[in-house]
Amino acid sequence: MLALSELFLSKELKYSIKPYQSDLKKDWDMVLDNSINGTFLHRREFMEYHGDRFEDASLVIYNEDFPVAILPAEKEENSIFSHRGLTYAGWILIDGLGLKDIQGIIKHTKAFYQNQGIERLEIRMVPDFFAKESQKDLKLAVQICGGESVFTAVHHCTSLPYRVTDRGKKWGRKKAIEKGLEIRASSDLKSFWEKILVPNLEKQHGVKPAHSLQEIQYLKSVFPDHIRFFAVFSGDEMLGGALIFSTDTSAHLQYTAALPLGKKQRCLDYLLSHLIEEEFSDKSFFNMGVSHIPETGQTNCGLVKWKESFGGKSKSVNTLKLQISKK
């Protein structure tokens, strides 16, 4: 991390804001590399794989000529969203900023968008379990600057290290081992997507994965250390798998599914226990994501119970609205 206090934080920040363009990528990356709350999802390579779906409205915020924050964002009519193509975003801040500094960044952001005729700013905050440092000042600054919660998502996270204690999961893991099942890191996303994940989501929920096979293959090729796939095999047959988005602090369970035979042989009990207890035990959290039904916002109680059996505890993450006055 850069020691910003030694550079300029002893004096009042003098802000300037630039809309993101490709020639600013070096500044964008510098903020991410030294941020308290950025992850690989905020890399331009990740954001731009589906860039044709969104009108980019991202910003780079400077103190004089030094980048201190970025805002991954996209525009629809007179509203700015940060960012519906990402699970979480908001202001990504370089380490060393204080409450007053962050307030200034938010106020200047609102003024910048106001000059473009924007009336509303919606922020999906970075969950604390993905942040490398405290976001307390950021949350307070957003509140002071008029942020109001419009939706609260509940994630279920397991604090690591953790040993699975649920009797059913321990029995399931034992049964899978007795059946001779094996867990392997795999590159065969095609088999998982086409034979297991897509049919499961279609049958159970009538939906498709958020990423197509081609998209996830591309992203894994760009971020091989951050996007990892693990599968459970009986001999050469893939019975189930889990795709993990790995950040500095957390392992996030992006997708998991199993064939009917895999479920019968409790392959996911084995796989999830292995990932939590062994593969990602050096992380601070194992996040199993949200547990609400997107169409209704109602809690999926069965999913919550499943996540709790692996040590998951509820963590609230707010989506905030900031109204911008018309000029």
C-alpha atoms as a PDB file:
ATOM      1  CA  MET A   1       0.000   0.000   0.000  1.00  0.00           C
ATOM      2  CA  LEU A   2       1.136   3.548  -0.659  1.00  0.00           C
ATOM      3  CA  ALA A   3       1.703   5.720   2.399  1.00  0.00           C
ATOM      4  CA  LEU A   4      -0.618   8.472   1.212  1.00  0.00           C
ATOM      5  CA  SER A   5      -0.327  10.409   4.436  1.00  0.00           C
ATOM      6  CA  GLU A   6       3.274  11.086   3.471  1.00  0.00           C
ATOM      7  CA  LEU A   7       2.277  12.286   0.019  1.00  0.00           C
ATOM      8  CA  PHE A   8      -0.556  14.743   0.360  1.00  0.00           C
ATOM      9  CA  LEU A   9      -3.128  13.957   3.051  1.00  0.00           C
ATOM     10  CA  SER A  10      -1.723  16.574   5.391  1.00  0.00           C
ATOM     11  CA  LYS A  11      -3.407  19.166   3.183  1.00  0.00           C
ATOM     12  CA  GLU A  12      -6.887  19.466   1.717  1.00  0.00           C
ATOM     13  CA  LEU A  13      -7.428  17.403  -1.390  1.00  0.00           C
ATOM     14  CA  LYS A  14      -7.898  19.247  -4.698  1.00  0.00           C
ATOM     15  CA  TYR A  15     -10.178  17.039  -6.735  1.00  0.00           C
ATOM     16  CA  SER A  16     -10.594  16.518 -10.435  1.00  0.00           C
ATOM     17  CA  ILE A  17     -12.640  13.841 -12.154  1.00  0.00           C
ATOM     18  CA  LYS A  18     -12.216  12.186 -15.542  1.00  0.00           C
ATOM     19  CA  PRO A  19     -14.589   9.792 -17.308  1.00  0.00           C
ATOM     20  CA  TYR A  20     -12.824   6.493 -17.810  1.00  0.00           C
ATOM     21  CA  GLN A  21     -11.100   5.973 -21.164  1.00  0.00           C
ATOM     22  CA  SER A  22      -8.575   3.352 -22.169  1.00  0.00           C
ATOM     23  CA  ASP A  23      -5.652   5.774 -21.777  1.00  0.00           C
ATOM     24  CA  LEU A  24      -6.517   6.011 -18.054  1.00  0.00           C
ATOM     25  CA  LYS A  25      -6.157   2.257 -17.454  1.00  0.00           C
ATOM     26  CA  LYS A  26      -2.788   2.709 -15.728  1.00  0.00           C
ATOM     27  CA  ASP A  27      -4.373   5.111 -13.209  1.00  0.00           C
ATOM     28  CA  TRP A  28      -7.377   2.777 -12.789  1.00  0.00           C
ATOM     29  CA  ASP A  29      -5.096  -0.160 -12.048  1.00  0.00           C
ATOM     30  CA  MET A  30      -2.965   1.866  -9.637  1.00  0.00           C
ATOM     31  CA  VAL A  31      -6.013   2.641  -7.507  1.00  0.00           C
ATOM     32  CA  LEU A  32      -7.033  -1.034  -7.526  1.00  0.00           C
ATOM     33  CA  ASP A  33      -3.535  -2.205  -6.646  1.00  0.00           C
ATOM     34  CA  ASN A  34      -3.481   0.106  -3.607  1.00  0.00           C
ATOM     35  CA  SER A  35      -7.160   0.054  -2.633  1.00  0.00           C
ATOM     36  CA  ILE A  36      -8.912  -0.894   0.583  1.00  0.00           C
ATOM     37  CA  ASN A  37     -11.860  -2.532  -1.186  1.00  0.00           C
ATOM     38  CA  GLY A  38     -11.133  -3.364  -4.815  1.00  0.00           C
ATOM     39  CA  THR A  39     -11.131  -6.915  -6.217  1.00  0.00           C
ATOM     40  CA  PHE A  40     -10.419  -8.483  -9.584  1.00  0.00           C
ATOM     41  CA  LEU A  41     -14.073  -7.918 -10.555  1.00  0.00           C
ATOM     42  CA  HIS A  42     -13.203  -4.220 -10.853  1.00  0.00           C
ATOM     43  CA  ARG A  43     -10.449  -4.817 -13.399  1.00  0.00           C
ATOM     44  CA  ARG A  44     -11.352  -3.400 -16.780  1.00  0.00           C
ATOM     45  CA  GLU A  45     -10.694  -6.829 -18.328  1.00  0.00           C
ATOM     46  CA  PHE A  46     -13.498  -8.239 -16.185  1.00  0.00           C
ATOM     47  CA  MET A  47     -15.882  -5.317 -16.636  1.00  0.00           C
ATOM     48  CA  GLU A  48     -15.529  -5.146 -20.393  1.00  0.00           C
ATOM     49  CA  TYR A  49     -16.298  -8.770 -21.245  1.00  0.00           C
ATOM     50  CA  HIS A  50     -19.969  -7.722 -21.289  1.00  0.00           C
ATOM     51  CA  GLY A  51     -19.385  -4.078 -22.168  1.00  0.00           C
ATOM     52  CA  ASP A  52     -21.873  -4.206 -25.034  1.00  0.00           C
ATOM     53  CA  ARG A  53     -24.712  -4.604 -22.508  1.00  0.00           C
ATOM     54  CA  PHE A  54     -23.994  -1.364 -20.659  1.00  0.00           C
ATOM     55  CA  GLU A  55     -23.274   2.293 -21.382  1.00  0.00           C
ATOM     56  CA  ASP A  56     -20.112   2.844 -19.382  1.00  0.00           C
ATOM     57  CA  ALA A  57     -20.077   5.858 -17.056  1.00  0.00           C
ATOM     58  CA  SER A  58     -17.065   4.980 -14.896  1.00  0.00           C
ATOM     59  CA  LEU A  59     -14.919   7.660 -13.291  1.00  0.00           C
ATOM     60  CA  VAL A  60     -11.344   8.147 -12.125  1.00  0.00           C
ATOM     61  CA  ILE A  61     -11.058  10.668  -9.270  1.00  0.00           C
ATOM     62  CA  TYR A  62      -7.801  12.547  -8.730  1.00  0.00           C
ATOM     63  CA  ASN A  63      -6.152  14.679  -6.098  1.00  0.00           C
ATOM     64  CA  GLU A  64      -4.316  17.081  -8.363  1.00  0.00           C
ATOM     65  CA  ASP A  65      -2.703  14.546 -10.766  1.00  0.00           C
ATOM     66  CA  PHE A  66      -2.713  11.579  -8.380  1.00  0.00           C
ATOM     67  CA  PRO A  67      -5.550   8.998  -8.713  1.00  0.00           C
ATOM     68  CA  VAL A  68      -7.224   8.382  -5.352  1.00  0.00           C
ATOM     69  CA  ALA A  69     -10.478   6.609  -6.255  1.00  0.00           C
ATOM     70  CA  ILE A  70     -12.410   4.981  -9.062  1.00  0.00           C
ATOM     71  CA  LEU A  71     -16.128   4.411  -9.562  1.00  0.00           C
ATOM     72  CA  PRO A  72     -17.103   1.482 -11.813  1.00  0.00           C
ATOM     73  CA  ALA A  73     -20.428   2.658 -13.201  1.00  0.00           C
ATOM     74  CA  GLU A  74     -22.909   2.470 -16.048  1.00  0.00           C
ATOM     75  CA  LYS A  75     -25.704   4.739 -17.222  1.00  0.00           C
ATOM     76  CA  GLU A  76     -29.348   4.253 -18.095  1.00  0.00           C
ATOM     77  CA  GLU A  77     -31.402   7.328 -19.013  1.00  0.00           C
ATOM     78  CA  ASN A  78     -30.912   9.823 -16.147  1.00  0.00           C
ATOM     79  CA  SER A  79     -29.563   7.306 -13.628  1.00  0.00           C
ATOM     80  CA  ILE A  80     -26.090   5.993 -12.838  1.00  0.00           C
ATOM     81  CA  PHE A  81     -25.612   2.479 -11.454  1.00  0.00           C
ATOM     82  CA  SER A  82     -22.460   1.123  -9.868  1.00  0.00           C
ATOM     83  CA  HIS A  83     -22.582  -1.479 -11.374  1.00  0.00           C
ATOM     84  CA  ARG A  84     -25.355  -3.868 -12.435  1.00  0.00           C
ATOM     85  CA  GLY A  85     -22.893  -5.967 -14.396  1.00  0.00           C
ATOM     86  CA  LEU A  86     -20.888  -6.566 -11.223  1.00  0.00           C
ATOM     87  CA  THR A  87     -21.903  -8.169  -7.962  1.00  0.00           C
ATOM     88  CA  TYR A  88     -20.609  -5.159  -6.024  1.00  0.00           C
ATOM     89  CA  ALA A  89     -18.777  -1.884  -6.640  1.00  0.00           C
ATOM     90  CA  GLY A  90     -19.252   1.654  -5.330  1.00  0.00           C
ATOM     91  CA  TRP A  91     -16.298   3.932  -4.707  1.00  0.00           C
ATOM     92  CA  ILE A  92     -13.046   1.976  -4.744  1.00  0.00           C
ATOM     93  CA  LEU A  93     -10.671   3.952  -2.535  1.00  0.00           C
ATOM     94  CA  ILE A  94      -6.933   4.112  -2.279  1.00  0.00           C
ATOM     95  CA  ASP A  95      -5.591   3.346   1.196  1.00  0.00           C
ATOM     96  CA  GLY A  96      -5.057   6.291   3.544  1.00  0.00           C
ATOM     97  CA  LEU A  97      -8.153   8.441   2.918  1.00  0.00           C
ATOM     98  CA  GLY A  98     -10.043   9.843   5.913  1.00  0.00           C
ATOM     99  CA  LEU A  99     -13.727  10.603   6.409  1.00  0.00           C
ATOM    100  CA  LYS A 100     -13.445  14.212   5.205  1.00  0.00           C
ATOM    101  CA  ASP A 101     -11.513  13.115   2.123  1.00  0.00           C
ATOM    102  CA  ILE A 102     -14.127  10.504   1.221  1.00  0.00           C
ATOM    103  CA  GLN A 103     -16.969  12.997   1.715  1.00  0.00           C
ATOM    104  CA  GLY A 104     -15.228  15.280  -0.750  1.00  0.00           C
ATOM    105  CA  ILE A 105     -14.896  12.474  -3.292  1.00  0.00           C
ATOM    106  CA  ILE A 106     -18.613  11.651  -3.048  1.00  0.00           C
ATOM    107  CA  LYS A 107     -19.700  15.308  -3.262  1.00  0.00           C
ATOM    108  CA  HIS A 108     -17.524  15.913  -6.319  1.00  0.00           C
ATOM    109  CA  THR A 109     -18.857  12.728  -7.923  1.00  0.00           C
ATOM    110  CA  LYS A 110     -22.428  13.922  -7.446  1.00  0.00           C
ATOM    111  CA  ALA A 111     -21.554  17.350  -8.858  1.00  0.00           C
ATOM    112  CA  PHE A 112     -19.873  15.771 -11.887  1.00  0.00           C
ATOM    113  CA  TYR A 113     -22.915  13.668 -12.715  1.00  0.00           C
ATOM    114  CA  GLN A 114     -25.264  16.588 -12.013  1.00  0.00           C
ATOM    115  CA  ASN A 115     -23.516  18.555 -14.763  1.00  0.00           C
ATOM    116  CA  GLN A 116     -24.390  15.666 -17.104  1.00  0.00           C
ATOM    117  CA  GLY A 117     -28.086  15.819 -16.221  1.00  0.00           C
ATOM    118  CA  ILE A 118     -28.033  12.768 -13.952  1.00  0.00           C
ATOM    119  CA  GLU A 119     -30.703  12.723 -11.238  1.00  0.00           C
ATOM    120  CA  ARG A 120     -30.024   9.474  -9.378  1.00  0.00           C
ATOM    121  CA  LEU A 121     -27.017   7.405  -8.331  1.00  0.00           C
ATOM    122  CA  GLU A 122     -27.410   3.812  -7.150  1.00  0.00           C
ATOM    123  CA  ILE A 123     -24.518   2.071  -5.394  1.00  0.00           C
ATOM    124  CA  ARG A 124     -24.068  -1.646  -4.733  1.00  0.00           C
ATOM    125  CA  MET A 125     -21.543  -1.485  -1.919  1.00  0.00           C
ATOM    126  CA  VAL A 126     -18.554  -3.815  -1.668  1.00  0.00           C
ATOM    127  CA  PRO A 127     -19.320  -6.308   1.141  1.00  0.00           C
ATOM    128  CA  ASP A 128     -16.975  -5.951   4.099  1.00  0.00           C
ATOM    129  CA  PHE A 129     -15.792  -9.534   3.720  1.00  0.00           C
ATOM    130  CA  PHE A 130     -14.253  -8.608   0.346  1.00  0.00           C
ATOM    131  CA  ALA A 131     -12.537  -5.469   1.674  1.00  0.00           C
ATOM    132  CA  LYS A 132      -8.895  -5.545   2.758  1.00  0.00           C
ATOM    133  CA  GLU A 133      -9.326  -2.639   5.195  1.00  0.00           C
ATOM    134  CA  SER A 134     -12.241  -1.114   7.130  1.00  0.00           C
ATOM    135  CA  GLN A 135     -14.959   0.619   5.083  1.00  0.00           C
ATOM    136  CA  LYS A 136     -16.417   2.353   8.144  1.00  0.00           C
ATOM    137  CA  ASP A 137     -15.520   5.851   6.940  1.00  0.00           C
ATOM    138  CA  LEU A 138     -16.853   5.125   3.437  1.00  0.00           C
ATOM    139  CA  LYS A 139     -20.204   3.953   4.783  1.00  0.00           C
ATOM    140  CA  LEU A 140     -20.489   6.977   7.063  1.00  0.00           C
ATOM    141  CA  ALA A 141     -19.526   9.361   4.253  1.00  0.00           C
ATOM    142  CA  VAL A 142     -22.183   7.909   1.934  1.00  0.00           C
ATOM    143  CA  GLN A 143     -24.782   8.337   4.687  1.00  0.00           C
ATOM    144  CA  ILE A 144     -23.703  11.931   5.377  1.00  0.00           C
ATOM    145  CA  CYS A 145     -23.923  12.693   1.659  1.00  0.00           C
ATOM    146  CA  GLY A 146     -27.554  11.532   1.509  1.00  0.00           C
ATOM    147  CA  GLY A 147     -27.290   7.819   0.780  1.00  0.00           C
ATOM    148  CA  GLU A 148     -30.477   5.858   1.541  1.00  0.00           C
ATOM    149  CA  SER A 149     -30.806   2.087   1.530  1.00  0.00           C
ATOM    150  CA  VAL A 150     -33.178   0.804  -1.168  1.00  0.00           C
ATOM    151  CA  PHE A 151     -32.416  -2.902  -0.840  1.00  0.00           C
ATOM    152  CA  THR A 152     -30.562  -5.165   1.584  1.00  0.00           C
ATOM    153  CA  ALA A 153     -29.116  -8.433   0.320  1.00  0.00           C
ATOM    154  CA  VAL A 154     -28.226 -11.114   2.830  1.00  0.00           C
ATOM    155  CA  HIS A 155     -25.138 -13.205   2.093  1.00  0.00           C
ATOM    156  CA  HIS A 156     -24.095 -16.262   4.073  1.00  0.00           C
ATOM    157  CA  CYS A 157     -20.408 -16.357   4.955  1.00  0.00           C
ATOM    158  CA  THR A 158     -18.307 -18.844   6.867  1.00  0.00           C
ATOM    159  CA  SER A 159     -15.462 -17.329   8.870  1.00  0.00           C
ATOM    160  CA  LEU A 160     -12.252 -19.240   8.252  1.00  0.00           C
ATOM    161  CA  PRO A 161     -10.587 -21.400   9.389  1.00  0.00           C
ATOM    162  CA  TYR A 162     -13.598 -23.619  10.083  1.00  0.00           C
ATOM    163  CA  ARG A 163     -14.318 -27.318  10.594  1.00  0.00           C
ATOM    164  CA  VAL A 164     -17.739 -28.482   9.414  1.00  0.00           C
ATOM    165  CA  THR A 165     -19.623 -29.768  12.463  1.00  0.00           C
ATOM    166  CA  ASP A 166     -23.063 -30.500  11.007  1.00  0.00           C
ATOM    167  CA  ARG A 167     -23.684 -34.227  11.505  1.00  0.00           C
ATOM    168  CA  GLY A 168     -25.447 -34.638   8.166  1.00  0.00           C
ATOM    169  CA  LYS A 169     -22.617 -32.999   6.229  1.00  0.00           C
ATOM    170  CA  LYS A 170     -19.971 -35.024   8.062  1.00  0.00           C
ATOM    171  CA  TRP A 171     -21.892 -38.222   7.291  1.00  0.00           C
ATOM    172  CA  GLY A 172     -22.278 -37.175   3.641  1.00  0.00           C
ATOM    173  CA  ARG A 173     -18.558 -36.514   3.294  1.00  0.00           C
ATOM    174  CA  LYS A 174     -17.780 -39.915   4.804  1.00  0.00           C
ATOM    175  CA  LYS A 175     -20.203 -41.624   2.422  1.00  0.00           C
ATOM    176  CA  ALA A 176     -18.661 -39.885  -0.607  1.00  0.00           C
ATOM    177  CA  ILE A 177     -15.174 -40.962   0.431  1.00  0.00           C
ATOM    178  CA  GLU A 178     -16.348 -44.536   0.978  1.00  0.00           C
ATOM    179  CA  LYS A 179     -17.745 -44.507  -2.570  1.00  0.00           C
ATOM    180  CA  GLY A 180     -14.273 -43.653  -3.825  1.00  0.00           C
ATOM    181  CA  LEU A 181     -15.161 -40.185  -5.094  1.00  0.00           C
ATOM    182  CA  GLU A 182     -12.243 -37.849  -5.833  1.00  0.00           C
ATOM    183  CA  ILE A 183     -11.989 -34.053  -5.852  1.00  0.00           C
ATOM    184  CA  ARG A 184      -9.792 -32.495  -8.550  1.00  0.00           C
ATOM    185  CA  ALA A 185      -9.025 -29.024  -9.820  1.00  0.00           C
ATOM    186  CA  SER A 186     -10.359 -29.107 -13.375  1.00  0.00           C
ATOM    187  CA  SER A 187     -10.368 -27.062 -16.571  1.00  0.00           C
ATOM    188  CA  ASP A 188     -13.373 -28.908 -18.029  1.00  0.00           C
ATOM    189  CA  LEU A 189     -15.914 -26.145 -17.624  1.00  0.00           C
ATOM    190  CA  LYS A 190     -17.729 -27.311 -20.766  1.00  0.00           C
ATOM    191  CA  SER A 191     -18.848 -30.602 -19.203  1.00  0.00           C
ATOM    192  CA  PHE A 192     -19.905 -28.887 -15.982  1.00  0.00           C
ATOM    193  CA  TRP A 193     -21.848 -26.142 -17.764  1.00  0.00           C
ATOM    194  CA  GLU A 194     -23.613 -28.239 -20.375  1.00  0.00           C
ATOM    195  CA  LYS A 195     -24.243 -31.499 -18.493  1.00  0.00           C
ATOM    196  CA  ILE A 196     -24.680 -30.336 -14.897  1.00  0.00           C
ATOM    197  CA  LEU A 197     -25.092 -26.611 -14.171  1.00  0.00           C
ATOM    198  CA  VAL A 198     -27.404 -25.452 -16.960  1.00  0.00           C
ATOM    199  CA  PRO A 199     -29.806 -28.441 -16.656  1.00  0.00           C
ATOM    200  CA  ASN A 200     -29.913 -28.022 -12.853  1.00  0.00           C
ATOM    201  CA  LEU A 201     -30.715 -24.306 -12.975  1.00  0.00           C
ATOM    202  CA  GLU A 202     -33.312 -24.807 -15.686  1.00  0.00           C
ATOM    203  CA  LYS A 203     -35.058 -27.637 -13.824  1.00  0.00           C
ATOM    204  CA  GLN A 204     -34.942 -26.129 -10.334  1.00  0.00           C
ATOM    205  CA  HIS A 205     -35.373 -22.405 -11.016  1.00  0.00           C
ATOM    206  CA  GLY A 206     -36.161 -21.956 -14.711  1.00  0.00           C
ATOM    207  CA  VAL A 207     -33.116 -19.710 -15.174  1.00  0.00           C
ATOM    208  CA  LYS A 208     -29.725 -19.728 -16.897  1.00  0.00           C
ATOM    209  CA  PRO A 209     -26.319 -19.009 -15.343  1.00  0.00           C
ATOM    210  CA  ALA A 210     -25.371 -15.324 -15.239  1.00  0.00           C
ATOM    211  CA  HIS A 211     -22.366 -16.211 -17.418  1.00  0.00           C
ATOM    212  CA  SER A 212     -22.449 -18.168 -20.638  1.00  0.00           C
ATOM    213  CA  LEU A 213     -19.920 -20.965 -21.102  1.00  0.00           C
ATOM    214  CA  GLN A 214     -17.939 -18.797 -23.536  1.00  0.00           C
ATOM    215  CA  GLU A 215     -17.899 -15.873 -21.094  1.00  0.00           C
ATOM    216  CA  ILE A 216     -16.701 -17.913 -18.132  1.00  0.00           C
ATOM    217  CA  GLN A 217     -14.056 -19.657 -20.233  1.00  0.00           C
ATOM    218  CA  TYR A 218     -12.764 -16.258 -21.346  1.00  0.00           C
ATOM    219  CA  LEU A 219     -12.755 -14.852 -17.814  1.00  0.00           C
ATOM    220  CA  LYS A 220     -10.964 -17.899 -16.440  1.00  0.00           C
ATOM    221  CA  SER A 221      -8.305 -17.528 -19.124  1.00  0.00           C
ATOM    222  CA  VAL A 222      -7.757 -13.885 -18.111  1.00  0.00           C
ATOM    223  CA  PHE A 223      -7.930 -14.485 -14.340  1.00  0.00           C
ATOM    224  CA  PRO A 224      -6.634 -18.055 -13.828  1.00  0.00           C
ATOM    225  CA  ASP A 225      -5.537 -17.372 -10.231  1.00  0.00           C
ATOM    226  CA  HIS A 226      -8.887 -15.823  -9.279  1.00  0.00           C
ATOM    227  CA  ILE A 227     -11.397 -18.067 -11.063  1.00  0.00           C
ATOM    228  CA  ARG A 228     -10.953 -21.702 -10.082  1.00  0.00           C
ATOM    229  CA  PHE A 229     -13.021 -24.782 -10.794  1.00  0.00           C
ATOM    230  CA  PHE A 230     -13.162 -27.943  -8.690  1.00  0.00           C
ATOM    231  CA  ALA A 231     -15.060 -31.099  -9.625  1.00  0.00           C
ATOM    232  CA  VAL A 232     -15.964 -34.389  -7.967  1.00  0.00           C
ATOM    233  CA  PHE A 233     -15.327 -37.532 -10.026  1.00  0.00           C
ATOM    234  CA  SER A 234     -16.295 -41.170  -9.858  1.00  0.00           C
ATOM    235  CA  GLY A 235     -13.540 -42.585 -12.019  1.00  0.00           C
ATOM    236  CA  ASP A 236     -13.652 -40.401 -15.135  1.00  0.00           C
ATOM    237  CA  GLU A 237     -17.279 -39.290 -14.660  1.00  0.00           C
ATOM    238  CA  MET A 238     -17.847 -35.762 -13.358  1.00  0.00           C
ATOM    239  CA  LEU A 239     -20.633 -35.894 -10.745  1.00  0.00           C
ATOM    240  CA  GLY A 240     -20.618 -32.277  -9.593  1.00  0.00           C
ATOM    241  CA  GLY A 241     -18.539 -29.150  -9.262  1.00  0.00           C
ATOM    242  CA  ALA A 242     -18.016 -25.710  -7.799  1.00  0.00           C
ATOM    243  CA  LEU A 243     -16.714 -22.549  -9.456  1.00  0.00           C
ATOM    244  CA  ILE A 244     -14.927 -20.209  -7.054  1.00  0.00           C
ATOM    245  CA  PHE A 245     -14.142 -16.503  -7.418  1.00  0.00           C
ATOM    246  CA  SER A 246     -11.081 -16.045  -5.204  1.00  0.00           C
ATOM    247  CA  THR A 247     -10.143 -12.593  -3.843  1.00  0.00           C
ATOM    248  CA  ASP A 248      -7.478 -11.464  -1.365  1.00  0.00           C
ATOM    249  CA  THR A 249      -9.794 -12.042   1.594  1.00  0.00           C
ATOM    250  CA  SER A 250     -12.482 -14.474   0.462  1.00  0.00           C
ATOM    251  CA  ALA A 251     -13.430 -17.487  -1.596  1.00  0.00           C
ATOM    252  CA  HIS A 252     -16.808 -16.813  -3.195  1.00  0.00           C
ATOM    253  CA  LEU A 253     -18.942 -19.757  -4.316  1.00  0.00           C
ATOM    254  CA  GLN A 254     -20.180 -18.512  -7.683  1.00  0.00           C
ATOM    255  CA  TYR A 255     -21.767 -21.745  -8.962  1.00  0.00           C
ATOM    256  CA  THR A 256     -22.256 -25.261  -7.622  1.00  0.00           C
ATOM    257  CA  ALA A 257     -24.342 -28.156  -8.922  1.00  0.00           C
ATOM    258  CA  ALA A 258     -24.389 -31.955  -9.151  1.00  0.00           C
ATOM    259  CA  LEU A 259     -25.892 -34.761 -11.202  1.00  0.00           C
ATOM    260  CA  PRO A 260     -28.660 -36.844  -9.556  1.00  0.00           C
ATOM    261  CA  LEU A 261     -26.111 -39.637  -8.943  1.00  0.00           C
ATOM    262  CA  GLY A 262     -23.709 -37.094  -7.419  1.00  0.00           C
ATOM    263  CA  LYS A 263     -26.406 -35.862  -5.064  1.00  0.00           C
ATOM    264  CA  LYS A 264     -27.239 -39.425  -4.074  1.00  0.00           C
ATOM    265  CA  GLN A 265     -23.582 -40.082  -3.286  1.00  0.00           C
ATOM    266  CA  ARG A 266     -23.329 -36.747  -1.405  1.00  0.00           C
ATOM    267  CA  CYS A 267     -20.595 -35.338  -3.633  1.00  0.00           C
ATOM    268  CA  LEU A 268     -21.341 -31.706  -2.719  1.00  0.00           C
ATOM    269  CA  ASP A 269     -21.076 -32.423   1.017  1.00  0.00           C
ATOM    270  CA  TYR A 270     -17.599 -33.746   0.271  1.00  0.00           C
ATOM    271  CA  LEU A 271     -16.673 -30.909  -2.100  1.00  0.00           C
ATOM    272  CA  LEU A 272     -17.868 -27.984   0.035  1.00  0.00           C
ATOM    273  CA  SER A 273     -16.287 -29.411   3.179  1.00  0.00           C
ATOM    274  CA  HIS A 274     -12.999 -29.800   1.306  1.00  0.00           C
ATOM    275  CA  LEU A 275     -13.070 -26.249  -0.049  1.00  0.00           C
ATOM    276  CA  ILE A 276     -13.891 -24.734   3.353  1.00  0.00           C
ATOM    277  CA  GLU A 277     -11.597 -26.845   5.515  1.00  0.00           C
ATOM    278  CA  GLU A 278      -8.627 -27.325   3.216  1.00  0.00           C
ATOM    279  CA  GLU A 279      -8.453 -25.599  -0.151  1.00  0.00           C
ATOM    280  CA  PHE A 280      -9.281 -22.068   1.041  1.00  0.00           C
ATOM    281  CA  SER A 281      -8.451 -22.306   4.739  1.00  0.00           C
ATOM    282  CA  ASP A 282      -5.914 -19.471   4.329  1.00  0.00           C
ATOM    283  CA  LYS A 283      -8.683 -17.005   3.415  1.00  0.00           C
ATOM    284  CA  SER A 284     -10.707 -15.056   5.980  1.00  0.00           C
ATOM    285  CA  PHE A 285     -14.133 -15.980   4.595  1.00  0.00           C
ATOM    286  CA  PHE A 286     -15.916 -18.526   2.441  1.00  0.00           C
ATOM    287  CA  ASN A 287     -18.893 -16.688   0.966  1.00  0.00           C
ATOM    288  CA  MET A 288     -21.851 -18.690  -0.335  1.00  0.00           C
ATOM    289  CA  GLY A 289     -23.697 -15.690  -1.739  1.00  0.00           C
ATOM    290  CA  VAL A 290     -27.223 -14.387  -1.411  1.00  0.00           C
ATOM    291  CA  SER A 291     -30.181 -16.518  -0.378  1.00  0.00           C
ATOM    292  CA  HIS A 292     -33.140 -14.613  -1.787  1.00  0.00           C
ATOM    293  CA  ILE A 293     -35.314 -15.303  -4.813  1.00  0.00           C
ATOM    294  CA  PRO A 294     -34.396 -12.528  -7.317  1.00  0.00           C
ATOM    295  CA  GLU A 295     -37.905 -12.171  -8.729  1.00  0.00           C
ATOM    296  CA  THR A 296     -39.606 -11.693  -5.343  1.00  0.00           C
ATOM    297  CA  GLY A 297     -36.851 -10.742  -2.907  1.00  0.00           C
ATOM    298  CA  GLN A 298     -38.133 -13.442  -0.536  1.00  0.00           C
ATOM    299  CA  THR A 299     -35.679 -15.575   1.431  1.00  0.00           C
ATOM    300  CA  ASN A 300     -35.098 -19.114   0.192  1.00  0.00           C
ATOM    301  CA  CYS A 301     -35.267 -20.875   3.570  1.00  0.00           C
ATOM    302  CA  GLY A 302     -34.000 -24.199   2.235  1.00  0.00           C
ATOM    303  CA  LEU A 303     -30.932 -22.522   0.758  1.00  0.00           C
ATOM    304  CA  VAL A 304     -30.274 -20.671   4.021  1.00  0.00           C
ATOM    305  CA  LYS A 305     -30.426 -23.937   5.977  1.00  0.00           C
ATOM    306  CA  TRP A 306     -27.988 -25.571   3.534  1.00  0.00           C
ATOM    307  CA  LYS A 307     -25.497 -22.707   3.885  1.00  0.00           C
ATOM    308  CA  GLU A 308     -25.812 -22.669   7.664  1.00  0.00           C
ATOM    309  CA  SER A 309     -24.917 -26.376   7.718  1.00  0.00           C
ATOM    310  CA  PHE A 310     -21.502 -25.340   6.363  1.00  0.00           C
ATOM    311  CA  GLY A 311     -21.041 -22.671   9.026  1.00  0.00           C
ATOM    312  CA  GLY A 312     -22.553 -19.780   7.082  1.00  0.00           C
ATOM    313  CA  LYS A 313     -23.637 -16.710   9.057  1.00  0.00           C
ATOM    314  CA  SER A 314     -25.775 -13.916   7.628  1.00  0.00           C
ATOM    315  CA  LYS A 315     -24.070 -10.716   6.428  1.00  0.00           C
ATOM    316  CA  SER A 316     -26.117  -7.760   5.219  1.00  0.00           C
ATOM    317  CA  VAL A 317     -25.025  -5.732   2.176  1.00  0.00           C
ATOM    318  CA  ASN A 318     -26.902  -2.572   1.230  1.00  0.00           C
ATOM    319  CA  THR A 319     -27.763  -1.079  -2.131  1.00  0.00           C
ATOM    320  CA  LEU A 320     -27.889   2.690  -1.667  1.00  0.00           C
ATOM    321  CA  LYS A 321     -29.539   5.519  -3.581  1.00  0.00           C
ATOM    322  CA  LEU A 322     -28.181   9.056  -3.705  1.00  0.00           C
ATOM    323  CA  GLN A 323     -30.532  11.633  -5.181  1.00  0.00           C
ATOM    324  CA  ILE A 324     -28.912  14.306  -7.317  1.00  0.00           C
ATOM    325  CA  SER A 325     -30.675  17.663  -7.607  1.00  0.00           C
ATOM    326  CA  LYS A 326     -31.571  18.876 -11.093  1.00  0.00           C
ATOM    327  CA  LYS A 327     -29.541  21.848 -12.286  1.00  0.00           C
END
